[in-house]
Amino acid sequence: MLETLGQYKILDRIGVGRTGSVYRARDMRAGRTVAVRVVADEIANDPQSREGFLRAARATAALSHPSLATLYEIGEDQGHLFLVFEYVPGKTLAALITDRALNTRHALDVAIQLADALAVAHADAVIHGGIHPGNIVETPKGHVKFLDFGLSVPISRLEDGQQVTVTGAGARPHDVAYASPELLLGESVDHRTDIYSLGAVLFEMLTGRAPFTGATTNELARQILEAPATSPSGMAARLPPALDAILRRMLAKNANERYEVAATPAAELRSVVAALDAESAAAVNVRAPRHHQSPVAVKADRRGGAFWIAIGLGLCVVVMLVAMASDAGRRWLSSLLPPW
């Protein structure tokens, strides 16, 4: 294993992706932990692939968003081309899902953060092109980040009778489950392919399974190209029906039927979250004991109680004054007093 690259001391290998191996390393000058991706030889040693990869890396380095892992440096040492990224501690979404749905509110919050990041990247004409749960990390503080933004190697063209393969070092066939139809067909792609992939990830977060499945990679690809997606609320009754329309549009097979910009599904998901929060707050106010009510609600209850006590005391005073105005009333009041 490599021990150093430039100013970076290699600590351990933490993963293998389509574009090479990733190592946790120590930046000896800045005194921080970083992630160093050593670019695969088939990319680094091929002039055309190398130039395209470096062009994508430079575009990625110009991006800035809390949900995009920062690319600090593009370097070369000891015959290795490498990229130095922000080290993101935490778990991938793939590890968090593991065939079970996430809490609905949590899943929507994750999707909103990611959609916001896509909106920023797409505005700078940078697309990810390979979104799946394995390259999204949630930190211990609940923030999510895309890894390797804009550095994906495309899936090979799907021909009649041909098995679909994912090209690049360390490629995994199950990544096909999140690929858009146009990417599988080898057609030109744009930012809407990322919107499709994010929709597939959100679907899995909400239901515990990807929108399309298949016994083989080729069968899975055929499902993505031809089969309609199941409505998530049909798989989990707890899900708001409003999510069906959002995901149906994100997962549209024709890119022209998807959202034009990632900011739109982000806004619509925020509306769903607001409705869920309002329903939750209403349920708590109805069912919760007084000591569980919000301070504002408790204060309002106290003000209401004091008002009615004051009304009661006022009526008592009025009755006494009326009674004292007549002999019969005075005799009645005297009968109520103790004999002493």
C-alpha atoms as a PDB file:
ATOM      1  CA  MET A   1       0.000   0.000   0.000  1.00  0.00           C
ATOM      2  CA  LEU A   2       1.091   3.553  -0.628  1.00  0.00           C
ATOM      3  CA  GLU A   3       2.611   5.311   2.378  1.00  0.00           C
ATOM      4  CA  THR A   4       2.683   8.908   1.149  1.00  0.00           C
ATOM      5  CA  LEU A   5       1.524  11.012  -1.782  1.00  0.00           C
ATOM      6  CA  GLY A   6       2.921  14.516  -1.808  1.00  0.00           C
ATOM      7  CA  GLN A   7       2.200  16.072   1.593  1.00  0.00           C
ATOM      8  CA  TYR A   8      -0.321  13.384   2.511  1.00  0.00           C
ATOM      9  CA  LYS A   9       0.444  10.448   4.786  1.00  0.00           C
ATOM     10  CA  ILE A  10      -1.739   7.482   3.830  1.00  0.00           C
ATOM     11  CA  LEU A  11      -3.477   5.934   6.847  1.00  0.00           C
ATOM     12  CA  ASP A  12      -5.759   3.230   5.418  1.00  0.00           C
ATOM     13  CA  ARG A  13      -7.881   2.353   2.416  1.00  0.00           C
ATOM     14  CA  ILE A  14     -11.558   3.156   2.943  1.00  0.00           C
ATOM     15  CA  GLY A  15     -13.102   2.235  -0.391  1.00  0.00           C
ATOM     16  CA  VAL A  16     -12.903   1.424  -4.072  1.00  0.00           C
ATOM     17  CA  GLY A  17     -15.029   3.253  -6.622  1.00  0.00           C
ATOM     18  CA  ARG A  18     -15.463   3.494 -10.357  1.00  0.00           C
ATOM     19  CA  THR A  19     -12.565   5.894 -10.699  1.00  0.00           C
ATOM     20  CA  GLY A  20     -10.037   4.338  -8.300  1.00  0.00           C
ATOM     21  CA  SER A  21      -9.184   3.561  -4.691  1.00  0.00           C
ATOM     22  CA  VAL A  22      -9.907   5.958  -1.833  1.00  0.00           C
ATOM     23  CA  TYR A  23      -7.645   6.331   1.206  1.00  0.00           C
ATOM     24  CA  ARG A  24      -7.978   8.133   4.499  1.00  0.00           C
ATOM     25  CA  ALA A  25      -4.888  10.295   4.840  1.00  0.00           C
ATOM     26  CA  ARG A  26      -3.337  13.019   6.974  1.00  0.00           C
ATOM     27  CA  ASP A  27      -2.499  16.366   5.425  1.00  0.00           C
ATOM     28  CA  MET A  28       0.849  16.984   7.128  1.00  0.00           C
ATOM     29  CA  ARG A  29       0.841  20.700   6.282  1.00  0.00           C
ATOM     30  CA  ALA A  30      -2.739  21.620   7.134  1.00  0.00           C
ATOM     31  CA  GLY A  31      -2.997  19.117  10.001  1.00  0.00           C
ATOM     32  CA  ARG A  32      -6.327  17.668   8.919  1.00  0.00           C
ATOM     33  CA  THR A  33      -7.739  14.315   7.846  1.00  0.00           C
ATOM     34  CA  VAL A  34      -8.590  14.072   4.152  1.00  0.00           C
ATOM     35  CA  ALA A  35      -9.775  11.500   1.622  1.00  0.00           C
ATOM     36  CA  VAL A  36      -7.324  10.819  -1.209  1.00  0.00           C
ATOM     37  CA  ARG A  37      -8.625   9.185  -4.378  1.00  0.00           C
ATOM     38  CA  VAL A  38      -5.893   7.580  -6.469  1.00  0.00           C
ATOM     39  CA  VAL A  39      -7.241   7.618 -10.015  1.00  0.00           C
ATOM     40  CA  ALA A  40      -7.477   4.250 -11.785  1.00  0.00           C
ATOM     41  CA  ASP A  41      -4.712   3.566 -14.314  1.00  0.00           C
ATOM     42  CA  GLU A  42      -7.133   3.092 -17.219  1.00  0.00           C
ATOM     43  CA  ILE A  43      -8.241   6.678 -16.725  1.00  0.00           C
ATOM     44  CA  ALA A  44      -4.927   8.255 -15.724  1.00  0.00           C
ATOM     45  CA  ASN A  45      -2.929   6.612 -18.546  1.00  0.00           C
ATOM     46  CA  ASP A  46      -5.387   7.190 -21.387  1.00  0.00           C
ATOM     47  CA  PRO A  47      -4.969  10.761 -22.726  1.00  0.00           C
ATOM     48  CA  GLN A  48      -8.614  11.228 -23.722  1.00  0.00           C
ATOM     49  CA  SER A  49     -10.038   9.746 -20.506  1.00  0.00           C
ATOM     50  CA  ARG A  50      -7.512  11.664 -18.422  1.00  0.00           C
ATOM     51  CA  GLU A  51      -8.384  15.008 -20.001  1.00  0.00           C
ATOM     52  CA  GLY A  52     -12.117  14.451 -19.586  1.00  0.00           C
ATOM     53  CA  PHE A  53     -11.649  13.358 -15.990  1.00  0.00           C
ATOM     54  CA  LEU A  54      -9.487  16.357 -15.103  1.00  0.00           C
ATOM     55  CA  ARG A  55     -11.957  18.713 -16.766  1.00  0.00           C
ATOM     56  CA  ALA A  56     -14.736  17.237 -14.596  1.00  0.00           C
ATOM     57  CA  ALA A  57     -12.528  17.442 -11.500  1.00  0.00           C
ATOM     58  CA  ARG A  58     -11.767  21.121 -12.059  1.00  0.00           C
ATOM     59  CA  ALA A  59     -15.487  21.850 -12.436  1.00  0.00           C
ATOM     60  CA  THR A  60     -16.176  19.936  -9.213  1.00  0.00           C
ATOM     61  CA  ALA A  61     -13.480  21.883  -7.359  1.00  0.00           C
ATOM     62  CA  ALA A  62     -15.326  25.129  -8.180  1.00  0.00           C
ATOM     63  CA  LEU A  63     -18.548  23.970  -6.476  1.00  0.00           C
ATOM     64  CA  SER A  64     -19.465  25.030  -2.950  1.00  0.00           C
ATOM     65  CA  HIS A  65     -22.390  23.628  -0.970  1.00  0.00           C
ATOM     66  CA  PRO A  66     -22.715  21.978   2.477  1.00  0.00           C
ATOM     67  CA  SER A  67     -23.950  18.761   0.833  1.00  0.00           C
ATOM     68  CA  LEU A  68     -21.056  18.486  -1.639  1.00  0.00           C
ATOM     69  CA  ALA A  69     -17.765  17.044  -0.378  1.00  0.00           C
ATOM     70  CA  THR A  70     -15.121  19.701  -1.127  1.00  0.00           C
ATOM     71  CA  LEU A  71     -12.351  18.875  -3.596  1.00  0.00           C
ATOM     72  CA  TYR A  72      -9.202  20.496  -2.182  1.00  0.00           C
ATOM     73  CA  GLU A  73      -6.505  19.528  -4.654  1.00  0.00           C
ATOM     74  CA  ILE A  74      -5.705  17.753  -7.923  1.00  0.00           C
ATOM     75  CA  GLY A  75      -2.158  16.382  -7.763  1.00  0.00           C
ATOM     76  CA  GLU A  76       0.340  13.915  -9.178  1.00  0.00           C
ATOM     77  CA  ASP A  77       3.173  12.081  -7.400  1.00  0.00           C
ATOM     78  CA  GLN A  78       5.118   8.860  -7.899  1.00  0.00           C
ATOM     79  CA  GLY A  79       3.318   8.280 -11.188  1.00  0.00           C
ATOM     80  CA  HIS A  80      -0.118   8.490  -9.545  1.00  0.00           C
ATOM     81  CA  LEU A  81      -2.805  11.012 -10.413  1.00  0.00           C
ATOM     82  CA  PHE A  82      -4.810  11.764  -7.277  1.00  0.00           C
ATOM     83  CA  LEU A  83      -7.577  13.972  -5.914  1.00  0.00           C
ATOM     84  CA  VAL A  84      -7.767  15.233  -2.336  1.00  0.00           C
ATOM     85  CA  PHE A  85     -11.265  15.568  -0.908  1.00  0.00           C
ATOM     86  CA  GLU A  86     -12.788  16.660   2.347  1.00  0.00           C
ATOM     87  CA  TYR A  87     -12.974  13.602   4.603  1.00  0.00           C
ATOM     88  CA  VAL A  88     -16.635  12.963   5.482  1.00  0.00           C
ATOM     89  CA  PRO A  89     -17.156  10.767   8.577  1.00  0.00           C
ATOM     90  CA  GLY A  90     -20.398   8.878   8.966  1.00  0.00           C
ATOM     91  CA  LYS A  91     -22.407   6.147   7.222  1.00  0.00           C
ATOM     92  CA  THR A  92     -23.490   5.821   3.628  1.00  0.00           C
ATOM     93  CA  LEU A  93     -27.196   5.728   2.857  1.00  0.00           C
ATOM     94  CA  ALA A  94     -26.628   2.182   1.608  1.00  0.00           C
ATOM     95  CA  ALA A  95     -25.551   1.195   5.134  1.00  0.00           C
ATOM     96  CA  LEU A  96     -28.458   3.089   6.728  1.00  0.00           C
ATOM     97  CA  ILE A  97     -31.186   1.617   4.535  1.00  0.00           C
ATOM     98  CA  THR A  98     -30.178  -2.097   4.380  1.00  0.00           C
ATOM     99  CA  ASP A  99     -33.592  -3.294   3.121  1.00  0.00           C
ATOM    100  CA  ARG A 100     -35.620  -1.226   5.564  1.00  0.00           C
ATOM    101  CA  ALA A 101     -37.276   2.160   5.162  1.00  0.00           C
ATOM    102  CA  LEU A 102     -36.008   5.210   6.990  1.00  0.00           C
ATOM    103  CA  ASN A 103     -38.269   7.350   9.141  1.00  0.00           C
ATOM    104  CA  THR A 104     -40.371   9.375   6.669  1.00  0.00           C
ATOM    105  CA  ARG A 105     -39.441  12.759   8.122  1.00  0.00           C
ATOM    106  CA  HIS A 106     -35.761  11.786   8.121  1.00  0.00           C
ATOM    107  CA  ALA A 107     -35.872  10.544   4.510  1.00  0.00           C
ATOM    108  CA  LEU A 108     -37.498  13.765   3.310  1.00  0.00           C
ATOM    109  CA  ASP A 109     -34.951  15.903   5.128  1.00  0.00           C
ATOM    110  CA  VAL A 110     -32.122  13.955   3.472  1.00  0.00           C
ATOM    111  CA  ALA A 111     -33.731  14.298   0.031  1.00  0.00           C
ATOM    112  CA  ILE A 112     -34.217  18.045   0.456  1.00  0.00           C
ATOM    113  CA  GLN A 113     -30.559  18.563   1.369  1.00  0.00           C
ATOM    114  CA  LEU A 114     -29.471  16.552  -1.673  1.00  0.00           C
ATOM    115  CA  ALA A 115     -31.886  18.300  -4.045  1.00  0.00           C
ATOM    116  CA  ASP A 116     -30.586  21.668  -2.859  1.00  0.00           C
ATOM    117  CA  ALA A 117     -27.028  20.529  -3.620  1.00  0.00           C
ATOM    118  CA  LEU A 118     -28.052  19.342  -7.088  1.00  0.00           C
ATOM    119  CA  ALA A 119     -29.650  22.717  -7.792  1.00  0.00           C
ATOM    120  CA  VAL A 120     -26.337  24.461  -7.016  1.00  0.00           C
ATOM    121  CA  ALA A 121     -24.235  22.040  -9.081  1.00  0.00           C
ATOM    122  CA  HIS A 122     -26.619  22.075 -12.036  1.00  0.00           C
ATOM    123  CA  ALA A 123     -26.607  25.874 -12.045  1.00  0.00           C
ATOM    124  CA  ASP A 124     -22.859  25.602 -12.751  1.00  0.00           C
ATOM    125  CA  ALA A 125     -23.498  23.004 -15.491  1.00  0.00           C
ATOM    126  CA  VAL A 126     -22.043  20.139 -13.412  1.00  0.00           C
ATOM    127  CA  ILE A 127     -23.941  16.861 -13.130  1.00  0.00           C
ATOM    128  CA  HIS A 128     -23.143  13.888 -10.926  1.00  0.00           C
ATOM    129  CA  GLY A 129     -24.145  11.174 -13.377  1.00  0.00           C
ATOM    130  CA  GLY A 130     -23.861   8.274 -10.933  1.00  0.00           C
ATOM    131  CA  ILE A 131     -25.945   8.932  -7.828  1.00  0.00           C
ATOM    132  CA  HIS A 132     -26.674   5.903  -5.627  1.00  0.00           C
ATOM    133  CA  PRO A 133     -26.912   5.307  -1.842  1.00  0.00           C
ATOM    134  CA  GLY A 134     -23.280   4.190  -1.675  1.00  0.00           C
ATOM    135  CA  ASN A 135     -21.871   7.606  -2.603  1.00  0.00           C
ATOM    136  CA  ILE A 136     -24.010   9.624  -0.199  1.00  0.00           C
ATOM    137  CA  VAL A 137     -22.842   9.902   3.407  1.00  0.00           C
ATOM    138  CA  GLU A 138     -24.752  11.079   6.461  1.00  0.00           C
ATOM    139  CA  THR A 139     -22.533  12.590   9.150  1.00  0.00           C
ATOM    140  CA  PRO A 140     -23.051  12.036  12.899  1.00  0.00           C
ATOM    141  CA  LYS A 141     -24.675  15.509  13.014  1.00  0.00           C
ATOM    142  CA  GLY A 142     -27.325  14.570  10.445  1.00  0.00           C
ATOM    143  CA  HIS A 143     -25.866  16.392   7.432  1.00  0.00           C
ATOM    144  CA  VAL A 144     -25.667  14.509   4.123  1.00  0.00           C
ATOM    145  CA  LYS A 145     -23.028  14.904   1.439  1.00  0.00           C
ATOM    146  CA  PHE A 146     -22.494  13.668  -2.099  1.00  0.00           C
ATOM    147  CA  LEU A 147     -19.099  12.083  -2.701  1.00  0.00           C
ATOM    148  CA  ASP A 148     -17.175  12.245  -6.005  1.00  0.00           C
ATOM    149  CA  PHE A 149     -19.563  14.724  -7.570  1.00  0.00           C
ATOM    150  CA  GLY A 150     -19.181  14.914 -11.345  1.00  0.00           C
ATOM    151  CA  LEU A 151     -16.576  12.135 -11.530  1.00  0.00           C
ATOM    152  CA  SER A 152     -18.754   9.159 -12.512  1.00  0.00           C
ATOM    153  CA  VAL A 153     -17.926   6.886 -15.415  1.00  0.00           C
ATOM    154  CA  PRO A 154     -21.030   6.217 -17.563  1.00  0.00           C
ATOM    155  CA  ILE A 155     -22.803   2.879 -17.880  1.00  0.00           C
ATOM    156  CA  SER A 156     -22.295   1.115 -21.193  1.00  0.00           C
ATOM    157  CA  ARG A 157     -24.895   1.352 -23.947  1.00  0.00           C
ATOM    158  CA  LEU A 158     -27.687  -1.214 -23.785  1.00  0.00           C
ATOM    159  CA  GLU A 159     -27.976  -3.162 -27.043  1.00  0.00           C
ATOM    160  CA  ASP A 160     -30.465  -5.909 -27.890  1.00  0.00           C
ATOM    161  CA  GLY A 161     -29.365  -9.118 -26.165  1.00  0.00           C
ATOM    162  CA  GLN A 162     -26.391  -7.410 -24.502  1.00  0.00           C
ATOM    163  CA  GLN A 163     -25.712  -7.636 -20.801  1.00  0.00           C
ATOM    164  CA  VAL A 164     -25.580  -4.246 -19.098  1.00  0.00           C
ATOM    165  CA  THR A 165     -22.250  -3.545 -17.441  1.00  0.00           C
ATOM    166  CA  VAL A 166     -20.953  -0.670 -15.373  1.00  0.00           C
ATOM    167  CA  THR A 167     -17.545   0.488 -16.527  1.00  0.00           C
ATOM    168  CA  GLY A 168     -14.694   1.748 -14.396  1.00  0.00           C
ATOM    169  CA  ALA A 169     -12.577   0.496 -11.520  1.00  0.00           C
ATOM    170  CA  GLY A 170     -14.542  -1.093  -8.719  1.00  0.00           C
ATOM    171  CA  ALA A 171     -17.853  -0.737 -10.530  1.00  0.00           C
ATOM    172  CA  ARG A 172     -20.855  -2.502  -8.994  1.00  0.00           C
ATOM    173  CA  PRO A 173     -23.735  -3.806 -11.129  1.00  0.00           C
ATOM    174  CA  HIS A 174     -26.376  -2.927  -8.528  1.00  0.00           C
ATOM    175  CA  ASP A 175     -25.651   0.753  -9.219  1.00  0.00           C
ATOM    176  CA  VAL A 176     -27.782   0.226 -12.336  1.00  0.00           C
ATOM    177  CA  ALA A 177     -30.872   0.331 -10.063  1.00  0.00           C
ATOM    178  CA  TYR A 178     -30.467   4.134  -9.818  1.00  0.00           C
ATOM    179  CA  ALA A 179     -29.510   4.842 -13.445  1.00  0.00           C
ATOM    180  CA  SER A 180     -31.884   6.815 -15.639  1.00  0.00           C
ATOM    181  CA  PRO A 181     -33.322   5.232 -18.797  1.00  0.00           C
ATOM    182  CA  GLU A 182     -31.341   7.577 -21.053  1.00  0.00           C
ATOM    183  CA  LEU A 183     -28.111   6.669 -19.268  1.00  0.00           C
ATOM    184  CA  LEU A 184     -28.807   2.958 -19.783  1.00  0.00           C
ATOM    185  CA  LEU A 185     -29.537   3.561 -23.472  1.00  0.00           C
ATOM    186  CA  GLY A 186     -26.299   5.463 -23.968  1.00  0.00           C
ATOM    187  CA  GLU A 187     -28.130   8.616 -24.972  1.00  0.00           C
ATOM    188  CA  SER A 188     -26.933  12.101 -24.115  1.00  0.00           C
ATOM    189  CA  VAL A 189     -27.694  13.006 -20.508  1.00  0.00           C
ATOM    190  CA  ASP A 190     -28.182  16.250 -18.660  1.00  0.00           C
ATOM    191  CA  HIS A 191     -29.109  17.391 -15.152  1.00  0.00           C
ATOM    192  CA  ARG A 192     -32.424  15.509 -15.336  1.00  0.00           C
ATOM    193  CA  THR A 193     -30.590  12.200 -15.070  1.00  0.00           C
ATOM    194  CA  ASP A 194     -29.524  13.280 -11.555  1.00  0.00           C
ATOM    195  CA  ILE A 195     -33.134  14.127 -10.697  1.00  0.00           C
ATOM    196  CA  TYR A 196     -34.148  10.607 -11.757  1.00  0.00           C
ATOM    197  CA  SER A 197     -31.399   9.004  -9.651  1.00  0.00           C
ATOM    198  CA  LEU A 198     -32.280  11.095  -6.613  1.00  0.00           C
ATOM    199  CA  GLY A 199     -35.903   9.991  -7.058  1.00  0.00           C
ATOM    200  CA  ALA A 200     -34.786   6.339  -7.022  1.00  0.00           C
ATOM    201  CA  VAL A 201     -32.772   6.932  -3.848  1.00  0.00           C
ATOM    202  CA  LEU A 202     -35.699   8.720  -2.171  1.00  0.00           C
ATOM    203  CA  PHE A 203     -38.055   5.889  -3.171  1.00  0.00           C
ATOM    204  CA  GLU A 204     -35.735   3.397  -1.456  1.00  0.00           C
ATOM    205  CA  MET A 205     -35.375   5.538   1.656  1.00  0.00           C
ATOM    206  CA  LEU A 206     -39.174   5.697   1.979  1.00  0.00           C
ATOM    207  CA  THR A 207     -40.008   2.060   1.177  1.00  0.00           C
ATOM    208  CA  GLY A 208     -36.859   0.032   1.886  1.00  0.00           C
ATOM    209  CA  ARG A 209     -36.470  -1.095  -1.731  1.00  0.00           C
ATOM    210  CA  ALA A 210     -35.453   0.428  -5.053  1.00  0.00           C
ATOM    211  CA  PRO A 211     -38.285   1.339  -7.464  1.00  0.00           C
ATOM    212  CA  PHE A 212     -37.213  -1.425  -9.874  1.00  0.00           C
ATOM    213  CA  THR A 213     -35.676  -4.828  -9.217  1.00  0.00           C
ATOM    214  CA  GLY A 214     -34.489  -7.746 -11.320  1.00  0.00           C
ATOM    215  CA  ALA A 215     -32.801 -11.113 -10.876  1.00  0.00           C
ATOM    216  CA  THR A 216     -30.066 -10.048 -13.300  1.00  0.00           C
ATOM    217  CA  THR A 217     -28.561  -6.729 -14.237  1.00  0.00           C
ATOM    218  CA  ASN A 218     -30.076  -6.969 -17.696  1.00  0.00           C
ATOM    219  CA  GLU A 219     -33.542  -7.752 -16.320  1.00  0.00           C
ATOM    220  CA  LEU A 220     -33.233  -4.816 -13.946  1.00  0.00           C
ATOM    221  CA  ALA A 221     -32.347  -2.530 -16.845  1.00  0.00           C
ATOM    222  CA  ARG A 222     -35.383  -3.730 -18.782  1.00  0.00           C
ATOM    223  CA  GLN A 223     -37.612  -2.962 -15.818  1.00  0.00           C
ATOM    224  CA  ILE A 224     -36.227   0.578 -15.629  1.00  0.00           C
ATOM    225  CA  LEU A 225     -36.817   1.086 -19.335  1.00  0.00           C
ATOM    226  CA  GLU A 226     -40.286  -0.446 -19.589  1.00  0.00           C
ATOM    227  CA  ALA A 227     -42.099  -1.065 -16.280  1.00  0.00           C
ATOM    228  CA  PRO A 228     -44.124   1.618 -14.460  1.00  0.00           C
ATOM    229  CA  ALA A 229     -42.916   2.514 -10.979  1.00  0.00           C
ATOM    230  CA  THR A 230     -45.070   1.443  -8.032  1.00  0.00           C
ATOM    231  CA  SER A 231     -46.626   4.246  -5.981  1.00  0.00           C
ATOM    232  CA  PRO A 232     -44.739   4.467  -2.669  1.00  0.00           C
ATOM    233  CA  SER A 233     -47.949   5.026  -0.672  1.00  0.00           C
ATOM    234  CA  GLY A 234     -49.205   1.721  -2.078  1.00  0.00           C
ATOM    235  CA  MET A 235     -46.239  -0.019  -0.463  1.00  0.00           C
ATOM    236  CA  ALA A 236     -46.388   1.852   2.854  1.00  0.00           C
ATOM    237  CA  ALA A 237     -49.732   3.288   3.983  1.00  0.00           C
ATOM    238  CA  ARG A 238     -48.027   5.703   6.369  1.00  0.00           C
ATOM    239  CA  LEU A 239     -46.623   7.719   3.444  1.00  0.00           C
ATOM    240  CA  PRO A 240     -48.453  10.901   2.368  1.00  0.00           C
ATOM    241  CA  PRO A 241     -50.139  10.447  -1.055  1.00  0.00           C
ATOM    242  CA  ALA A 242     -48.546  13.745  -2.140  1.00  0.00           C
ATOM    243  CA  LEU A 243     -45.244  11.872  -2.424  1.00  0.00           C
ATOM    244  CA  ASP A 244     -46.667   9.664  -5.185  1.00  0.00           C
ATOM    245  CA  ALA A 245     -46.972  12.578  -7.620  1.00  0.00           C
ATOM    246  CA  ILE A 246     -43.516  13.930  -6.745  1.00  0.00           C
ATOM    247  CA  LEU A 247     -41.788  10.585  -7.239  1.00  0.00           C
ATOM    248  CA  ARG A 248     -43.794   9.777 -10.354  1.00  0.00           C
ATOM    249  CA  ARG A 249     -42.425  12.928 -11.954  1.00  0.00           C
ATOM    250  CA  MET A 250     -38.861  12.418 -10.708  1.00  0.00           C
ATOM    251  CA  LEU A 251     -38.885   8.852 -12.069  1.00  0.00           C
ATOM    252  CA  ALA A 252     -40.515   9.628 -15.412  1.00  0.00           C
ATOM    253  CA  LYS A 253     -38.924   7.507 -18.137  1.00  0.00           C
ATOM    254  CA  ASN A 254     -38.968  10.442 -20.556  1.00  0.00           C
ATOM    255  CA  ALA A 255     -36.586  13.131 -19.305  1.00  0.00           C
ATOM    256  CA  ASN A 256     -38.890  15.814 -20.742  1.00  0.00           C
ATOM    257  CA  GLU A 257     -41.590  14.760 -18.261  1.00  0.00           C
ATOM    258  CA  ARG A 258     -39.336  15.209 -15.227  1.00  0.00           C
ATOM    259  CA  TYR A 259     -38.759  18.359 -13.217  1.00  0.00           C
ATOM    260  CA  GLU A 260     -36.761  20.940 -15.117  1.00  0.00           C
ATOM    261  CA  VAL A 261     -34.691  21.944 -12.076  1.00  0.00           C
ATOM    262  CA  ALA A 262     -33.895  20.208  -8.774  1.00  0.00           C
ATOM    263  CA  ALA A 263     -35.094  23.235  -6.815  1.00  0.00           C
ATOM    264  CA  THR A 264     -38.711  22.380  -7.703  1.00  0.00           C
ATOM    265  CA  PRO A 265     -38.875  18.921  -6.077  1.00  0.00           C
ATOM    266  CA  ALA A 266     -36.969  20.387  -3.130  1.00  0.00           C
ATOM    267  CA  ALA A 267     -39.712  22.995  -2.674  1.00  0.00           C
ATOM    268  CA  GLU A 268     -42.495  20.416  -3.050  1.00  0.00           C
ATOM    269  CA  LEU A 269     -40.839  18.090  -0.529  1.00  0.00           C
ATOM    270  CA  ARG A 270     -40.624  21.007   1.910  1.00  0.00           C
ATOM    271  CA  SER A 271     -44.386  21.462   1.534  1.00  0.00           C
ATOM    272  CA  VAL A 272     -44.922  17.785   2.402  1.00  0.00           C
ATOM    273  CA  VAL A 273     -42.671  18.191   5.458  1.00  0.00           C
ATOM    274  CA  ALA A 274     -44.612  21.278   6.576  1.00  0.00           C
ATOM    275  CA  ALA A 275     -47.904  19.359   6.305  1.00  0.00           C
ATOM    276  CA  LEU A 276     -46.476  16.423   8.277  1.00  0.00           C
ATOM    277  CA  ASP A 277     -45.169  18.738  10.992  1.00  0.00           C
ATOM    278  CA  ALA A 278     -48.535  20.511  11.238  1.00  0.00           C
ATOM    279  CA  GLU A 279     -50.376  17.191  11.579  1.00  0.00           C
ATOM    280  CA  SER A 280     -47.908  16.028  14.222  1.00  0.00           C
ATOM    281  CA  ALA A 281     -48.249  19.263  16.212  1.00  0.00           C
ATOM    282  CA  ALA A 282     -52.057  19.082  16.086  1.00  0.00           C
ATOM    283  CA  ALA A 283     -52.022  15.479  17.300  1.00  0.00           C
ATOM    284  CA  VAL A 284     -49.710  16.359  20.201  1.00  0.00           C
ATOM    285  CA  ASN A 285     -51.901  19.278  21.309  1.00  0.00           C
ATOM    286  CA  VAL A 286     -55.018  17.068  21.302  1.00  0.00           C
ATOM    287  CA  ARG A 287     -53.554  14.063  23.085  1.00  0.00           C
ATOM    288  CA  ALA A 288     -50.773  15.394  25.283  1.00  0.00           C
ATOM    289  CA  PRO A 289     -51.329  15.974  29.039  1.00  0.00           C
ATOM    290  CA  ARG A 290     -51.109  19.554  30.231  1.00  0.00           C
ATOM    291  CA  HIS A 291     -47.499  19.180  31.387  1.00  0.00           C
ATOM    292  CA  HIS A 292     -46.537  18.121  27.848  1.00  0.00           C
ATOM    293  CA  GLN A 293     -48.104  21.163  26.180  1.00  0.00           C
ATOM    294  CA  SER A 294     -45.959  23.929  24.798  1.00  0.00           C
ATOM    295  CA  PRO A 295     -45.233  26.894  27.140  1.00  0.00           C
ATOM    296  CA  VAL A 296     -47.375  29.144  24.947  1.00  0.00           C
ATOM    297  CA  ALA A 297     -50.345  26.751  25.180  1.00  0.00           C
ATOM    298  CA  VAL A 298     -49.965  26.421  28.967  1.00  0.00           C
ATOM    299  CA  LYS A 299     -49.810  30.195  29.382  1.00  0.00           C
ATOM    300  CA  ALA A 300     -52.962  30.599  27.270  1.00  0.00           C
ATOM    301  CA  ASP A 301     -54.781  28.007  29.416  1.00  0.00           C
ATOM    302  CA  ARG A 302     -53.770  29.875  32.562  1.00  0.00           C
ATOM    303  CA  ARG A 303     -55.016  33.169  31.184  1.00  0.00           C
ATOM    304  CA  GLY A 304     -58.339  31.542  30.284  1.00  0.00           C
ATOM    305  CA  GLY A 305     -58.721  30.063  33.784  1.00  0.00           C
ATOM    306  CA  ALA A 306     -57.987  33.378  35.480  1.00  0.00           C
ATOM    307  CA  PHE A 307     -60.582  35.112  33.304  1.00  0.00           C
ATOM    308  CA  TRP A 308     -63.377  32.773  34.375  1.00  0.00           C
ATOM    309  CA  ILE A 309     -62.382  32.979  38.056  1.00  0.00           C
ATOM    310  CA  ALA A 310     -62.610  36.760  37.848  1.00  0.00           C
ATOM    311  CA  ILE A 311     -66.067  36.516  36.243  1.00  0.00           C
ATOM    312  CA  GLY A 312     -67.245  34.213  39.033  1.00  0.00           C
ATOM    313  CA  LEU A 313     -65.997  36.524  41.794  1.00  0.00           C
ATOM    314  CA  GLY A 314     -67.644  39.499  40.107  1.00  0.00           C
ATOM    315  CA  LEU A 315     -71.006  37.731  40.002  1.00  0.00           C
ATOM    316  CA  CYS A 316     -70.720  36.905  43.715  1.00  0.00           C
ATOM    317  CA  VAL A 317     -70.113  40.547  44.549  1.00  0.00           C
ATOM    318  CA  VAL A 318     -73.133  41.613  42.475  1.00  0.00           C
ATOM    319  CA  VAL A 319     -75.383  39.076  44.231  1.00  0.00           C
ATOM    320  CA  MET A 320     -74.238  40.277  47.672  1.00  0.00           C
ATOM    321  CA  LEU A 321     -74.821  43.923  46.814  1.00  0.00           C
ATOM    322  CA  VAL A 322     -78.322  43.167  45.529  1.00  0.00           C
ATOM    323  CA  ALA A 323     -79.105  41.116  48.633  1.00  0.00           C
ATOM    324  CA  MET A 324     -77.952  43.881  51.025  1.00  0.00           C
ATOM    325  CA  ALA A 325     -80.283  46.356  49.346  1.00  0.00           C
ATOM    326  CA  SER A 326     -83.385  44.728  50.892  1.00  0.00           C
ATOM    327  CA  ASP A 327     -84.420  43.573  54.411  1.00  0.00           C
ATOM    328  CA  ALA A 328     -85.083  40.046  53.175  1.00  0.00           C
ATOM    329  CA  GLY A 329     -81.662  39.930  51.578  1.00  0.00           C
ATOM    330  CA  ARG A 330     -79.950  41.125  54.758  1.00  0.00           C
ATOM    331  CA  ARG A 331     -81.789  38.476  56.818  1.00  0.00           C
ATOM    332  CA  TRP A 332     -80.672  35.834  54.232  1.00  0.00           C
ATOM    333  CA  LEU A 333     -77.043  36.946  54.439  1.00  0.00           C
ATOM    334  CA  SER A 334     -77.207  36.933  58.250  1.00  0.00           C
ATOM    335  CA  SER A 335     -78.437  33.309  58.169  1.00  0.00           C
ATOM    336  CA  LEU A 336     -75.304  32.356  56.215  1.00  0.00           C
ATOM    337  CA  LEU A 337     -72.878  33.851  58.754  1.00  0.00           C
ATOM    338  CA  PRO A 338     -71.612  31.849  61.762  1.00  0.00           C
ATOM    339  CA  PRO A 339     -73.494  32.580  65.057  1.00  0.00           C
ATOM    340  CA  TRP A 340     -70.460  34.120  66.700  1.00  0.00           C
END
